[in-house]
Amino acid sequence: MATANVQDRVQMPLVFAIVAVATVGGLLFGYDSGAVNGTQAGLRDAFALDDAGLGFTVGSLLIGCAAGAFLAGRMADAFGRKRVMMASAVIFLVGALIQGLTGDHTVFVIARFAGGMAVGAASVLSPAYISEVAPASMRGRLTSIQQVMIITGLTAAFVVNYFLAAAAGSSLEVIGGHPAWRWMYLAQAVPAAVYLVALFAIPESPRYCVSRKRHAEAEAILTRLFGATAAAAKVKEIDASFSNDHRPRLRDVLVPGTILRPIVWAGLLLAVFQQLVGINVIFYYGETLWKLAGVSEETALQRNILSGVVSIAACFVAIGLVDKIGRKPLLLIGSAGMAVTLGAMAWAFTGGALDEAGNLVLPQSIGLVALVSANLYVIFFNISWGPVMWVMLGEMFPNQLRGSALAVCGFAQWAANYAVVQSFPGMAGGFGLGPTYTFYTVCAVISFFLVRSFITETKGKELEEMEGWNER
């Protein structure tokens, strides 16, 4: 079926409503990432944590994310995209409340792990779900909204953290019966509740329905999206893209034997290197990073807000470009830009000196280089690897593989995320910020050549045209 025939009848108000609801999952991911940014001192104080303990406590969410992403991909094939997203909203809501109230470190870590499972599930299912309902010519733009919502959640958390700390006097001071840093976790319950309620209003993925042989339900959903004539033809196309002898299963990601299909290796490349360039050091440890660079808590939180605003603007640039110039060019531009700006940050941090308290002090001119480079780095990430990785993971796999490939790649993405977050306090404390950022610079350089060699453009293709299922 020609793409134009589908788009002539597309009901954009319904598509936009579906996208708006699905991407609230990205908002949850972003909000938690930003909320923990302002709670480092509170976590150390409440639970007597050293650097390793802080890294594990912050990163316990990411261990849950890896587990949640893996399980969600498989569960979405068994129970549907919508049901798994609803379950993730409930788990995140409960986890946020427990994190904000418990005084027991073990309970806190368990709640954070559970919340991570919810975030991991939403992170892989939201872009996949959007890809499965969006017109091909607009799929990149619509799926990129996931990254906008992630950064919006981050920025909202930065703003809430800043005003909570300002109202209390610091993140450790009490406001409303609880330390300010506790409220930073409790506030996450609000977007989680919104997400849960909004999910009741959207339909199941039509491609999931076809995979379960619920053709009438799939056709009804597609009719609402594209019209009756287009829907009937589309159901046949989708059905033909699935294996006739079995439903989607985890073994589908393997070439007969034990080797992953090349398309899955490509997805793993994108998932892992999106994290190895160190972006979540900015997201999770922004306050700590700027304190290491010698600024106050208030100034550090203000710089977090600035980074969030810059990120949102960059995401809108990506939305405007991803369906015009394509996914691969944006990834290459991003890799090159991040390599240069990360290198500049590494140089700037190497030029500092330690004061009597062990904090890094930068000369004003070098501090300005670090600040400008950090924000340029965030821009390059958010016009490229930030949104494009999610776009490609949601669309690059054939229908038969999508759930299972997302399970594998989602697990790898969050495992890499955890490794970066867990290692940063020790690397920065043991080697310094300069060598730490040199490592991220090298990863950005490597990512450029990997994308150039192994990534295939997917712009404008229908999901049923994606290749990789018949590879042997």
Protein backbone atom coordinates (compact mmCIF):
# COMPACT_ATOMS: atom_id res chain seq x y z
CA MET A 1 0.00 0.00 0.00
CA ALA A 2 1.44 3.36 -0.98
CA THR A 3 2.40 5.59 1.90
CA ALA A 4 0.68 8.59 0.33
CA ASN A 5 -2.66 6.75 0.31
CA VAL A 6 -2.40 6.24 4.04
CA GLN A 7 -1.40 9.81 4.77
CA ASP A 8 -4.22 11.30 2.68
CA ARG A 9 -6.66 9.92 5.25
CA VAL A 10 -4.62 10.18 8.44
CA GLN A 11 -6.49 11.59 11.43
CA MET A 12 -3.78 13.80 12.85
CA PRO A 13 -5.70 14.96 15.95
CA LEU A 14 -5.99 11.33 17.07
CA VAL A 15 -2.35 10.60 16.20
CA PHE A 16 -1.17 13.65 18.17
CA ALA A 17 -3.32 12.67 21.15
CA ILE A 18 -1.87 9.15 21.14
CA VAL A 19 1.68 10.50 20.89
CA ALA A 20 1.06 12.98 23.72
CA VAL A 21 -0.10 10.20 26.04
CA ALA A 22 2.59 7.68 25.08
CA THR A 23 5.43 10.14 25.59
CA VAL A 24 4.46 10.86 29.19
CA GLY A 25 6.50 7.72 29.83
CA GLY A 26 9.51 9.71 28.61
CA LEU A 27 8.54 12.50 30.99
CA LEU A 28 8.73 10.02 33.91
CA PHE A 29 12.19 8.92 32.80
CA GLY A 30 13.36 12.51 32.54
CA TYR A 31 11.76 13.64 35.79
CA ASP A 32 13.42 10.90 37.81
CA SER A 33 16.78 11.59 36.17
CA GLY A 34 16.47 15.26 37.08
CA ALA A 35 15.02 14.71 40.55
CA VAL A 36 17.94 12.59 41.75
CA ASN A 37 20.28 15.32 40.51
CA GLY A 38 19.40 17.52 43.49
CA THR A 39 19.31 14.80 46.16
CA GLN A 40 22.97 13.77 46.34
CA ALA A 41 23.69 15.56 49.62
CA GLY A 42 20.44 14.31 51.16
CA LEU A 43 21.15 10.70 50.23
CA ARG A 44 24.65 10.91 51.70
CA ASP A 45 23.33 12.46 54.92
CA ALA A 46 20.30 10.20 55.42
CA PHE A 47 22.00 6.90 54.65
CA ALA A 48 25.69 7.67 55.49
CA LEU A 49 26.87 6.86 51.97
CA ASP A 50 30.39 6.99 50.59
CA ASP A 51 31.11 7.53 46.87
CA ALA A 52 30.50 3.88 46.00
CA GLY A 53 27.31 3.77 48.06
CA LEU A 54 26.02 6.94 46.45
CA GLY A 55 26.78 5.57 42.99
CA PHE A 56 24.92 2.33 43.76
CA THR A 57 21.92 4.13 45.32
CA VAL A 58 21.56 6.48 42.37
CA GLY A 59 22.28 3.70 39.91
CA SER A 60 19.89 1.16 41.46
CA LEU A 61 17.15 2.74 39.37
CA LEU A 62 19.20 1.97 36.28
CA ILE A 63 19.60 -1.69 37.23
CA GLY A 64 15.81 -1.77 37.41
CA CYS A 65 15.61 0.04 34.07
CA ALA A 66 17.71 -2.66 32.42
CA ALA A 67 15.48 -5.39 33.86
CA GLY A 68 12.31 -3.46 33.01
CA ALA A 69 13.36 -2.77 29.43
CA PHE A 70 14.20 -6.44 28.87
CA LEU A 71 11.00 -7.76 30.40
CA ALA A 72 8.82 -5.10 28.77
CA GLY A 73 9.86 -6.04 25.27
CA ARG A 74 8.81 -9.62 25.85
CA MET A 75 5.72 -8.78 27.92
CA ALA A 76 4.56 -6.32 25.26
CA ASP A 77 4.50 -9.17 22.75
CA ALA A 78 2.49 -11.30 25.18
CA PHE A 79 0.11 -8.79 26.81
CA GLY A 80 0.17 -5.72 24.57
CA ARG A 81 1.96 -2.37 24.57
CA LYS A 82 -0.82 -0.51 26.40
CA ARG A 83 -1.21 -2.94 29.30
CA VAL A 84 2.51 -3.03 30.02
CA MET A 85 2.71 0.78 29.94
CA MET A 86 -0.20 0.95 32.41
CA ALA A 87 1.52 -1.49 34.75
CA SER A 88 4.69 0.60 34.57
CA ALA A 89 2.75 3.75 35.55
CA VAL A 90 1.36 2.03 38.67
CA ILE A 91 4.78 0.73 39.71
CA PHE A 92 6.42 4.12 39.21
CA LEU A 93 3.72 5.88 41.24
CA VAL A 94 4.13 3.56 44.22
CA GLY A 95 7.93 3.64 43.97
CA ALA A 96 8.03 7.44 44.01
CA LEU A 97 5.97 7.60 47.19
CA ILE A 98 8.13 5.03 48.97
CA GLN A 99 11.38 6.76 47.95
CA GLY A 100 10.08 10.03 49.33
CA LEU A 101 9.01 8.60 52.69
CA THR A 102 11.13 5.63 53.76
CA GLY A 103 13.99 5.95 56.20
CA ASP A 104 15.38 2.52 55.47
CA HIS A 105 18.12 2.38 52.85
CA THR A 106 17.27 -1.15 51.71
CA VAL A 107 13.61 -0.26 51.21
CA PHE A 108 14.67 2.90 49.37
CA VAL A 109 16.88 0.93 46.98
CA ILE A 110 14.15 -1.67 46.36
CA ALA A 111 11.63 1.10 45.60
CA ARG A 112 14.14 2.79 43.32
CA PHE A 113 14.79 -0.52 41.53
CA ALA A 114 11.03 -1.02 41.05
CA GLY A 115 10.66 2.52 39.77
CA GLY A 116 13.51 1.80 37.40
CA MET A 117 11.69 -1.22 35.99
CA ALA A 118 8.77 1.08 35.22
CA VAL A 119 11.00 3.68 33.59
CA GLY A 120 12.82 1.04 31.54
CA ALA A 121 9.52 -0.39 30.30
CA ALA A 122 8.13 3.01 29.33
CA SER A 123 11.39 4.08 27.68
CA VAL A 124 11.39 1.27 25.11
CA LEU A 125 7.63 0.88 24.65
CA SER A 126 6.74 4.54 24.09
CA PRO A 127 8.84 4.99 20.92
CA ALA A 128 7.88 1.52 19.67
CA TYR A 129 4.19 2.23 20.22
CA ILE A 130 4.42 5.61 18.48
CA SER A 131 6.24 4.03 15.52
CA GLU A 132 3.44 1.47 15.23
CA VAL A 133 0.68 4.08 14.90
CA ALA A 134 2.44 6.97 13.08
CA PRO A 135 2.56 7.62 9.31
CA ALA A 136 5.99 6.77 7.86
CA SER A 137 6.74 10.30 6.61
CA MET A 138 6.16 11.77 10.08
CA ARG A 139 7.36 8.88 12.23
CA GLY A 140 10.74 10.40 13.00
CA ARG A 141 9.27 13.72 14.11
CA LEU A 142 6.58 12.12 16.23
CA THR A 143 8.91 9.62 17.89
CA SER A 144 11.42 12.41 18.58
CA ILE A 145 8.83 13.95 20.89
CA GLN A 146 9.87 11.19 23.30
CA GLN A 147 13.21 12.96 23.76
CA VAL A 148 11.47 16.33 24.16
CA MET A 149 9.41 14.85 26.97
CA ILE A 150 12.50 13.29 28.57
CA ILE A 151 14.22 16.67 28.62
CA THR A 152 11.02 18.43 29.69
CA GLY A 153 10.82 16.03 32.63
CA LEU A 154 14.47 16.72 33.43
CA THR A 155 13.98 20.47 33.29
CA ALA A 156 10.79 20.33 35.34
CA ALA A 157 12.66 18.38 38.00
CA PHE A 158 15.53 20.88 37.92
CA VAL A 159 13.08 23.75 38.42
CA VAL A 160 11.21 21.95 41.23
CA ASN A 161 14.51 21.03 42.91
CA TYR A 162 15.76 24.60 42.70
CA PHE A 163 12.66 26.12 44.26
CA LEU A 164 12.37 23.43 46.94
CA ALA A 165 16.00 23.95 47.95
CA ALA A 166 15.55 27.73 47.86
CA ALA A 167 12.36 27.59 49.96
CA ALA A 168 13.96 25.35 52.58
CA GLY A 169 17.38 27.02 52.54
CA SER A 170 19.12 23.94 51.11
CA SER A 171 18.19 20.43 50.00
CA LEU A 172 18.94 19.18 53.55
CA GLU A 173 16.63 21.61 55.36
CA VAL A 174 13.06 20.68 56.38
CA ILE A 175 10.00 22.02 54.58
CA GLY A 176 6.46 20.77 55.24
CA GLY A 177 7.68 18.15 57.69
CA HIS A 178 10.24 16.55 55.36
CA PRO A 179 13.70 17.53 54.12
CA ALA A 180 13.52 19.30 50.75
CA TRP A 181 15.30 16.44 48.99
CA ARG A 182 12.47 14.07 50.06
CA TRP A 183 9.93 16.27 48.27
CA MET A 184 12.04 15.99 45.12
CA TYR A 185 11.14 12.29 45.06
CA LEU A 186 7.52 12.67 46.20
CA ALA A 187 6.84 15.14 43.37
CA GLN A 188 7.44 12.31 40.85
CA ALA A 189 4.08 10.81 41.84
CA VAL A 190 2.25 13.61 39.99
CA PRO A 191 3.37 12.80 36.40
CA ALA A 192 3.04 9.08 37.18
CA ALA A 193 -0.64 9.54 38.13
CA VAL A 194 -1.25 11.63 35.00
CA TYR A 195 0.36 8.95 32.85
CA LEU A 196 -1.77 6.17 34.32
CA VAL A 197 -5.05 8.02 33.83
CA ALA A 198 -4.19 9.16 30.29
CA LEU A 199 -3.31 5.63 29.14
CA PHE A 200 -6.96 4.59 29.49
CA ALA A 201 -7.79 6.90 26.57
CA ILE A 202 -5.51 5.40 23.87
CA PRO A 203 -5.97 2.23 21.79
CA GLU A 204 -3.73 -0.83 21.63
CA SER A 205 -1.06 -0.99 18.93
CA PRO A 206 -2.63 -2.35 15.71
CA ARG A 207 0.54 -4.29 14.93
CA TYR A 208 0.35 -6.06 18.29
CA CYS A 209 -3.29 -6.92 17.55
CA VAL A 210 -2.33 -8.45 14.21
CA SER A 211 0.46 -10.45 15.88
CA ARG A 212 -2.22 -11.97 18.16
CA LYS A 213 -4.54 -12.65 15.20
CA ARG A 214 -7.02 -9.98 16.38
CA HIS A 215 -7.44 -8.65 12.86
CA ALA A 216 -10.85 -7.05 13.38
CA GLU A 217 -9.59 -5.03 16.34
CA ALA A 218 -6.49 -3.96 14.39
CA GLU A 219 -8.60 -2.91 11.42
CA ALA A 220 -10.92 -0.88 13.67
CA ILE A 221 -7.94 1.00 15.17
CA LEU A 222 -6.38 1.60 11.75
CA THR A 223 -9.72 2.80 10.41
CA ARG A 224 -9.82 5.45 13.13
CA LEU A 225 -6.29 6.48 12.15
CA PHE A 226 -6.27 6.22 8.35
CA GLY A 227 -9.76 5.41 7.06
CA ALA A 228 -11.51 2.14 6.17
CA THR A 229 -9.96 1.49 2.73
CA ALA A 230 -6.39 2.07 3.90
CA ALA A 231 -6.98 0.06 7.07
CA ALA A 232 -8.09 -3.11 5.29
CA ALA A 233 -5.04 -3.10 3.04
CA LYS A 234 -2.71 -2.27 5.90
CA VAL A 235 -3.86 -5.22 8.01
CA LYS A 236 -2.90 -7.55 5.16
CA GLU A 237 0.54 -5.94 4.85
CA ILE A 238 1.18 -6.18 8.59
CA ASP A 239 -0.01 -9.79 8.72
CA ALA A 240 2.36 -10.73 5.89
CA SER A 241 5.32 -9.31 7.85
CA PHE A 242 4.91 -11.84 10.68
CA SER A 243 6.10 -15.42 10.62
CA ASN A 244 3.42 -17.92 9.65
CA ASP A 245 4.70 -20.70 11.91
CA HIS A 246 5.08 -18.95 15.28
CA ARG A 247 4.30 -15.80 17.21
CA PRO A 248 7.10 -13.33 18.01
CA ARG A 249 9.58 -14.86 20.46
CA LEU A 250 12.97 -14.02 21.96
CA ARG A 251 14.81 -16.55 19.79
CA ASP A 252 13.83 -14.51 16.74
CA VAL A 253 16.77 -12.14 17.41
CA LEU A 254 19.17 -15.00 16.67
CA VAL A 255 20.39 -16.24 13.36
CA PRO A 256 19.89 -20.05 13.61
CA GLY A 257 22.60 -20.97 16.06
CA THR A 258 23.72 -18.44 18.66
CA ILE A 259 24.69 -15.25 16.79
CA LEU A 260 22.50 -12.14 16.90
CA ARG A 261 21.11 -10.91 13.63
CA PRO A 262 23.08 -7.97 12.12
CA ILE A 263 20.10 -5.63 12.60
CA VAL A 264 20.13 -6.40 16.33
CA TRP A 265 23.89 -5.74 16.54
CA ALA A 266 23.23 -2.36 14.92
CA GLY A 267 20.58 -1.60 17.53
CA LEU A 268 22.99 -2.60 20.30
CA LEU A 269 25.60 -0.23 18.89
CA LEU A 270 23.17 2.68 19.05
CA ALA A 271 21.88 1.76 22.50
CA VAL A 272 25.29 1.39 24.16
CA PHE A 273 27.15 4.32 22.60
CA GLN A 274 24.32 6.70 23.39
CA GLN A 275 25.40 6.20 27.00
CA LEU A 276 29.18 5.81 26.63
CA VAL A 277 29.47 9.45 25.49
CA GLY A 278 28.63 10.36 29.10
CA ILE A 279 25.40 12.30 28.71
CA ASN A 280 23.91 11.01 31.93
CA VAL A 281 26.80 12.40 33.92
CA ILE A 282 25.26 15.77 33.04
CA PHE A 283 21.72 14.52 33.75
CA TYR A 284 22.32 12.62 36.99
CA TYR A 285 25.35 14.36 38.45
CA GLY A 286 24.99 17.88 37.07
CA GLU A 287 24.89 19.42 40.53
CA THR A 288 27.84 17.33 41.73
CA LEU A 289 29.76 18.06 38.52
CA TRP A 290 29.48 21.81 38.89
CA LYS A 291 30.28 21.62 42.59
CA LEU A 292 33.46 19.76 41.66
CA ALA A 293 34.11 22.66 39.31
CA GLY A 294 33.94 24.97 42.31
CA VAL A 295 30.45 26.56 42.24
CA SER A 296 27.78 26.73 44.96
CA GLU A 297 24.71 24.47 45.23
CA GLU A 298 22.44 27.32 44.10
CA THR A 299 24.59 28.07 41.05
CA ALA A 300 24.88 24.36 40.24
CA LEU A 301 21.07 23.97 40.25
CA GLN A 302 20.72 27.08 38.08
CA ARG A 303 23.16 25.61 35.54
CA ASN A 304 21.10 22.40 35.51
CA ILE A 305 18.05 24.46 34.52
CA LEU A 306 20.05 26.18 31.78
CA SER A 307 21.17 22.81 30.42
CA GLY A 308 17.55 21.61 30.43
CA VAL A 309 16.26 24.62 28.52
CA VAL A 310 19.07 24.33 25.96
CA SER A 311 18.27 20.61 25.57
CA ILE A 312 14.59 21.24 24.84
CA ALA A 313 15.47 23.78 22.16
CA ALA A 314 17.92 21.32 20.57
CA CYS A 315 15.26 18.58 20.51
CA PHE A 316 12.95 20.82 18.49
CA VAL A 317 15.76 21.27 15.98
CA ALA A 318 15.98 17.48 15.73
CA ILE A 319 12.22 17.22 15.19
CA GLY A 320 12.53 19.62 12.27
CA LEU A 321 15.42 17.72 10.68
CA VAL A 322 14.97 14.00 11.35
CA ASP A 323 12.43 13.37 8.55
CA LYS A 324 14.18 15.76 6.16
CA ILE A 325 17.89 14.92 6.24
CA GLY A 326 17.50 11.50 7.84
CA ARG A 327 18.64 9.60 10.90
CA LYS A 328 22.19 8.66 9.89
CA PRO A 329 23.37 12.19 8.98
CA LEU A 330 22.12 13.50 12.32
CA LEU A 331 23.97 10.74 14.18
CA LEU A 332 27.20 11.59 12.34
CA ILE A 333 26.83 15.31 13.04
CA GLY A 334 26.15 14.56 16.69
CA SER A 335 29.15 12.26 17.08
CA ALA A 336 31.51 14.82 15.56
CA GLY A 337 30.11 17.70 17.61
CA MET A 338 30.19 15.73 20.86
CA ALA A 339 33.79 14.63 20.26
CA VAL A 340 34.91 18.26 19.90
CA THR A 341 32.93 19.63 22.85
CA LEU A 342 33.79 16.76 25.17
CA GLY A 343 37.43 17.25 24.27
CA ALA A 344 37.12 20.93 25.18
CA MET A 345 35.56 20.01 28.55
CA ALA A 346 38.36 17.51 29.22
CA TRP A 347 40.94 20.21 28.49
CA ALA A 348 39.15 22.75 30.69
CA PHE A 349 38.84 20.40 33.66
CA THR A 350 42.50 19.40 33.34
CA GLY A 351 43.45 23.08 33.71
CA GLY A 352 41.96 23.44 37.19
CA ALA A 353 43.48 23.15 40.66
CA LEU A 354 42.20 21.74 43.95
CA ASP A 355 41.42 23.98 46.91
CA GLU A 356 41.96 23.03 50.58
CA ALA A 357 38.62 21.17 50.65
CA GLY A 358 39.54 19.09 47.61
CA ASN A 359 37.16 20.90 45.23
CA LEU A 360 38.23 21.70 41.70
CA VAL A 361 38.72 25.42 41.13
CA LEU A 362 38.79 26.72 37.57
CA PRO A 363 40.10 30.10 36.44
CA GLN A 364 37.25 32.28 35.20
CA SER A 365 38.21 32.02 31.54
CA ILE A 366 38.61 28.24 31.68
CA GLY A 367 35.38 27.91 33.67
CA LEU A 368 33.61 29.76 30.85
CA VAL A 369 35.06 27.30 28.32
CA ALA A 370 33.73 24.42 30.44
CA LEU A 371 30.26 25.96 30.71
CA VAL A 372 29.97 26.81 27.00
CA SER A 373 31.37 23.42 25.95
CA ALA A 374 28.97 21.58 28.27
CA ASN A 375 25.96 23.32 26.77
CA LEU A 376 27.20 22.85 23.20
CA TYR A 377 27.72 19.17 24.01
CA VAL A 378 24.12 18.94 25.26
CA ILE A 379 22.95 20.62 22.04
CA PHE A 380 24.82 18.18 19.81
CA PHE A 381 23.51 15.22 21.81
CA ASN A 382 19.91 16.41 21.67
CA ILE A 383 19.86 17.13 17.94
CA SER A 384 21.23 13.66 17.27
CA TRP A 385 21.84 10.69 19.54
CA GLY A 386 19.27 11.74 22.15
CA PRO A 387 16.13 11.54 19.98
CA VAL A 388 17.47 9.55 17.01
CA MET A 389 18.48 6.50 19.06
CA TRP A 390 14.90 6.20 20.36
CA VAL A 391 13.49 6.81 16.87
CA MET A 392 15.61 4.06 15.37
CA LEU A 393 15.04 1.51 18.11
CA GLY A 394 11.31 2.06 17.69
CA GLU A 395 11.32 1.64 13.91
CA MET A 396 14.42 -0.19 12.63
CA PHE A 397 13.36 -3.73 13.53
CA PRO A 398 10.90 -5.82 11.47
CA ASN A 399 7.53 -6.48 13.11
CA GLN A 400 8.44 -10.07 13.95
CA LEU A 401 11.55 -8.94 15.86
CA ARG A 402 10.49 -5.65 17.39
CA GLY A 403 9.53 -6.74 20.89
CA SER A 404 12.43 -9.16 21.32
CA ALA A 405 15.01 -6.83 19.77
CA LEU A 406 13.83 -4.02 22.03
CA ALA A 407 14.24 -6.34 25.00
CA VAL A 408 17.88 -7.00 24.09
CA CYS A 409 18.78 -3.44 23.06
CA GLY A 410 16.83 -1.82 25.89
CA PHE A 411 18.64 -4.00 28.41
CA ALA A 412 22.00 -3.07 26.87
CA GLN A 413 21.15 0.64 26.85
CA TRP A 414 20.24 0.73 30.51
CA ALA A 415 23.17 -1.50 31.49
CA ALA A 416 25.53 0.96 29.80
CA ASN A 417 23.67 3.82 31.49
CA TYR A 418 24.22 2.15 34.86
CA ALA A 419 27.90 1.52 34.17
CA VAL A 420 28.50 5.19 33.35
CA VAL A 421 26.54 6.50 36.35
CA GLN A 422 28.04 3.99 38.78
CA SER A 423 31.58 4.66 37.64
CA PHE A 424 31.50 8.47 37.50
CA PRO A 425 31.99 9.29 41.22
CA GLY A 426 34.95 6.92 41.46
CA MET A 427 36.47 8.02 38.15
CA ALA A 428 36.10 11.71 38.92
CA GLY A 429 37.40 11.25 42.47
CA GLY A 430 40.23 8.89 41.55
CA PHE A 431 41.43 10.22 38.20
CA GLY A 432 39.91 13.71 38.02
CA LEU A 433 37.38 15.23 35.65
CA GLY A 434 39.92 15.72 32.85
CA PRO A 435 40.76 12.04 32.29
CA THR A 436 37.13 11.06 32.90
CA TYR A 437 35.95 13.34 30.11
CA THR A 438 38.78 12.20 27.88
CA PHE A 439 37.26 8.71 28.05
CA TYR A 440 33.85 10.07 26.95
CA THR A 441 35.60 11.97 24.14
CA VAL A 442 37.19 8.77 22.81
CA CYS A 443 33.79 7.04 22.87
CA ALA A 444 32.26 9.88 20.84
CA VAL A 445 35.02 9.54 18.24
CA ILE A 446 34.50 5.78 18.00
CA SER A 447 30.71 6.27 17.64
CA PHE A 448 31.25 8.36 14.49
CA PHE A 449 33.05 5.57 12.66
CA LEU A 450 30.66 2.88 13.87
CA VAL A 451 27.64 4.82 12.59
CA ARG A 452 29.33 5.48 9.25
CA SER A 453 30.06 1.78 8.80
CA PHE A 454 27.10 -0.09 10.27
CA ILE A 455 23.94 2.04 10.41
CA THR A 456 21.41 1.95 7.55
CA GLU A 457 19.04 4.86 6.90
CA THR A 458 15.36 4.21 7.76
CA LYS A 459 13.82 7.58 6.81
CA GLY A 460 10.47 7.30 5.04
CA LYS A 461 10.22 3.49 5.13
CA GLU A 462 7.06 1.74 6.29
CA LEU A 463 7.65 -0.58 9.23
CA GLU A 464 6.71 -3.51 6.99
CA GLU A 465 9.67 -2.58 4.74
CA MET A 466 12.26 -2.92 7.51
CA GLU A 467 14.77 -5.65 6.72
CA GLY A 468 16.47 -8.13 8.98
CA TRP A 469 13.94 -10.89 9.64
CA ASN A 470 15.10 -13.12 6.79
CA GLU A 471 18.84 -12.66 7.44
CA ARG A 472 20.75 -15.90 7.67
